[in-house]
Protein backbone atom coordinates (compact mmCIF):
# COMPACT_ATOMS: atom_id res chain seq x y z
CA UNK A 1 77.13 125.06 107.32
CA UNK A 2 78.28 123.45 110.36
CA UNK A 3 80.87 120.59 110.48
CA UNK A 4 79.70 119.23 113.25
CA UNK A 5 76.93 117.28 111.66
CA UNK A 6 79.37 115.47 109.38
CA UNK A 7 81.38 112.07 110.24
CA UNK A 8 84.16 113.26 108.07
CA UNK A 9 85.38 114.48 104.87
CA UNK A 10 86.95 111.87 102.17
CA UNK A 11 89.26 113.91 99.89
CA UNK A 12 90.83 112.98 96.62
CA UNK A 13 93.96 115.47 96.24
CA UNK A 14 96.22 115.92 93.14
CA UNK A 15 99.28 118.48 93.56
CA UNK A 16 102.91 119.39 92.74
CA UNK A 17 105.60 120.19 94.73
CA UNK A 18 109.00 121.81 93.42
CA UNK A 19 111.93 120.91 95.64
CA UNK A 20 114.55 122.93 93.75
CA UNK A 21 115.66 125.24 96.04
CA UNK A 22 116.46 123.12 99.04
CA UNK A 23 115.24 123.49 101.75
CA UNK A 24 112.50 125.70 100.49
CA UNK A 25 110.01 124.33 97.98
CA UNK A 26 106.47 125.54 96.62
CA UNK A 27 103.71 123.99 95.48
CA UNK A 28 100.47 124.17 94.07
CA UNK A 29 97.24 121.43 93.53
CA UNK A 30 93.55 120.85 94.08
CA UNK A 31 91.36 118.75 95.47
CA UNK A 32 87.19 117.13 95.22
CA UNK A 33 85.74 115.93 98.55
CA UNK A 34 82.92 114.70 100.30
CA UNK A 35 81.52 115.10 103.72
CA UNK A 36 79.28 112.14 105.04
CA UNK A 37 76.72 112.94 107.16
CA UNK A 38 76.32 111.74 110.46
CA UNK A 39 73.41 110.19 112.38
CA UNK A 40 72.64 113.37 114.49
CA UNK A 41 72.09 115.46 111.31
CA UNK A 42 69.67 118.21 112.59
CA UNK A 43 67.13 117.95 109.96
CA UNK A 44 64.98 115.48 107.79
CA UNK A 45 63.81 115.55 104.50
CA UNK A 46 60.82 114.36 102.98
CA UNK A 47 59.22 114.33 99.39
CA UNK A 48 56.00 115.33 98.39
CA UNK A 49 54.60 111.98 98.90
CA UNK A 50 56.29 112.08 102.59
CA UNK A 51 58.99 109.26 101.85
CA UNK A 52 62.32 110.26 104.28
CA UNK A 53 64.73 111.25 102.21
CA UNK A 54 68.79 110.91 102.69
CA UNK A 55 70.41 113.63 104.65
CA UNK A 56 72.64 116.00 102.10
CA UNK A 57 76.39 114.67 101.37
CA UNK A 58 78.61 118.12 101.77
CA UNK A 59 80.55 118.00 98.10
CA UNK A 60 83.30 120.31 97.59
CA UNK A 61 86.49 121.39 95.19
CA UNK A 62 89.45 123.83 96.26
CA UNK A 63 92.56 124.96 94.35
CA UNK A 64 95.53 126.53 96.07
CA UNK A 65 99.01 126.91 96.77
CA UNK A 66 101.73 126.31 99.40
CA UNK A 67 105.35 127.40 100.39
CA UNK A 68 107.37 125.17 102.89
CA UNK A 69 110.55 124.06 104.66
CA UNK A 70 111.70 120.52 104.10
CA UNK A 71 114.68 118.50 105.50
CA UNK A 72 115.66 115.56 103.40
CA UNK A 73 118.30 112.70 104.10
CA UNK A 74 119.11 111.43 100.66
CA UNK A 75 120.66 108.06 102.46
CA UNK A 76 117.36 106.76 103.85
CA UNK A 77 115.23 108.59 101.00
CA UNK A 78 113.63 110.16 104.08
CA UNK A 79 111.98 113.67 104.25
CA UNK A 80 109.91 115.72 107.17
CA UNK A 81 108.51 119.17 106.02
CA UNK A 82 106.38 122.05 107.30
CA UNK A 83 104.25 124.07 104.94
CA UNK A 84 101.36 126.90 104.92
CA UNK A 85 99.09 127.04 102.07
CA UNK A 86 96.00 128.73 101.14
CA UNK A 87 93.42 129.27 98.26
CA UNK A 88 89.48 129.23 97.45
CA UNK A 89 86.79 126.70 97.51
CA UNK A 90 83.29 126.11 96.76
CA UNK A 91 80.84 123.80 98.83
CA UNK A 92 77.24 122.54 97.87
CA UNK A 93 74.70 120.44 99.84
CA UNK A 94 73.27 117.92 97.70
CA UNK A 95 70.96 114.80 98.81
CA UNK A 96 72.39 112.46 95.94
CA UNK A 97 68.51 111.48 94.90
CA UNK A 98 68.28 112.78 91.03
CA UNK A 99 64.29 111.52 91.73
CA UNK A 100 63.95 114.18 94.56
CA UNK A 101 66.83 116.32 93.76
CA UNK A 102 67.33 119.04 96.51
CA UNK A 103 70.59 121.05 96.80
CA UNK A 104 71.45 124.27 98.21
CA UNK A 105 73.14 127.13 96.87
CA UNK A 106 76.76 127.21 95.90
CA UNK A 107 79.02 128.30 98.76
CA UNK A 108 82.59 129.73 97.72
CA UNK A 109 85.14 130.55 100.19
CA UNK A 110 88.65 130.42 101.21
CA UNK A 111 91.08 128.46 103.43
CA UNK A 112 94.35 128.48 105.03
CA UNK A 113 96.35 125.97 106.74
CA UNK A 114 99.49 124.91 108.16
CA UNK A 115 100.62 121.06 107.88
CA UNK A 116 103.88 119.01 108.92
CA UNK A 117 104.47 115.39 107.97
CA UNK A 118 106.73 112.85 106.78
CA UNK A 119 107.89 111.01 103.66
CA UNK A 120 109.71 107.88 103.15
CA UNK A 121 110.08 106.89 99.83
CA UNK A 122 106.95 107.23 97.78
CA UNK A 123 104.77 107.01 101.32
CA UNK A 124 103.83 110.15 102.68
CA UNK A 125 101.72 110.99 106.01
CA UNK A 126 100.95 114.77 106.85
CA UNK A 127 98.50 116.28 109.18
CA UNK A 128 97.95 119.92 110.40
CA UNK A 129 94.92 122.79 111.36
CA UNK A 130 92.78 124.58 108.22
CA UNK A 131 90.73 127.39 108.48
CA UNK A 132 87.89 127.09 106.27
CA UNK A 133 85.71 130.22 105.91
CA UNK A 134 82.68 127.88 105.58
CA UNK A 135 83.61 125.45 108.25
CA UNK A 136 85.51 127.59 110.59
CA UNK A 137 88.70 125.37 112.13
CA UNK A 138 89.37 121.90 111.04
CA UNK A 139 92.28 119.10 111.88
CA UNK A 140 93.20 117.00 109.03
CA UNK A 141 95.32 113.93 108.99
CA UNK A 142 96.00 112.73 105.47
CA UNK A 143 97.83 109.58 104.14
CA UNK A 144 99.12 109.52 100.58
CA UNK A 145 101.68 108.61 97.96
CA UNK A 146 104.53 111.15 95.97
CA UNK A 147 105.47 110.34 92.52
CA UNK A 148 109.12 112.20 92.31
CA UNK A 149 108.92 113.08 88.93
CA UNK A 150 113.05 113.92 89.39
CA UNK A 151 113.67 110.04 89.28
CA UNK A 152 112.29 110.24 85.73
CA UNK A 153 114.66 112.83 84.66
CA UNK A 154 117.67 111.29 86.05
CA UNK A 155 117.26 107.94 84.47
CA UNK A 156 116.86 110.05 81.26
CA UNK A 157 120.29 111.99 82.00
CA UNK A 158 121.58 108.60 82.78
CA UNK A 159 121.28 107.11 79.95
CA UNK A 160 122.31 110.08 77.90
CA UNK A 161 125.59 110.12 80.06
CA UNK A 162 126.00 106.37 79.24
CA UNK A 163 125.70 106.86 75.44
CA UNK A 164 128.26 109.40 75.53
CA UNK A 165 130.48 107.33 77.12
CA UNK A 166 130.15 104.33 74.60
CA UNK A 167 130.49 106.64 71.98
């Protein structure tokens, strides 16, 4: 599968990062994605009645793990990080037509990446390079949010401490 025929990929990613041993961390996660075909797609498709069909969308899903190094400034709630990761994925081409459904076989594969980024409070921007056994080398830029689960634990602990002091 050649990534040159696609405009880009829209990715929905969810993951977990464990920062209990700063400055190191580990994480795991998964994503689903859709690659949108460009106007230069090399093939045309038609139905039995020779109606023109849309070029196929590249759908995929992946799961993996990462290990990283982070610098965290508690005063400004700001961090800079780098990570390496890898995992397994699967991709399929589908033309998004249920009336004239056409799809490819499933393409299983693996990936590895190197990412670097910044996080301020809950806002996160990161990017890097990725090798994918189906799509070869790709650049990635991601924008997202991070929900720190430790903040929920701190609030609960603070309530418990306050309760013990009042007794």
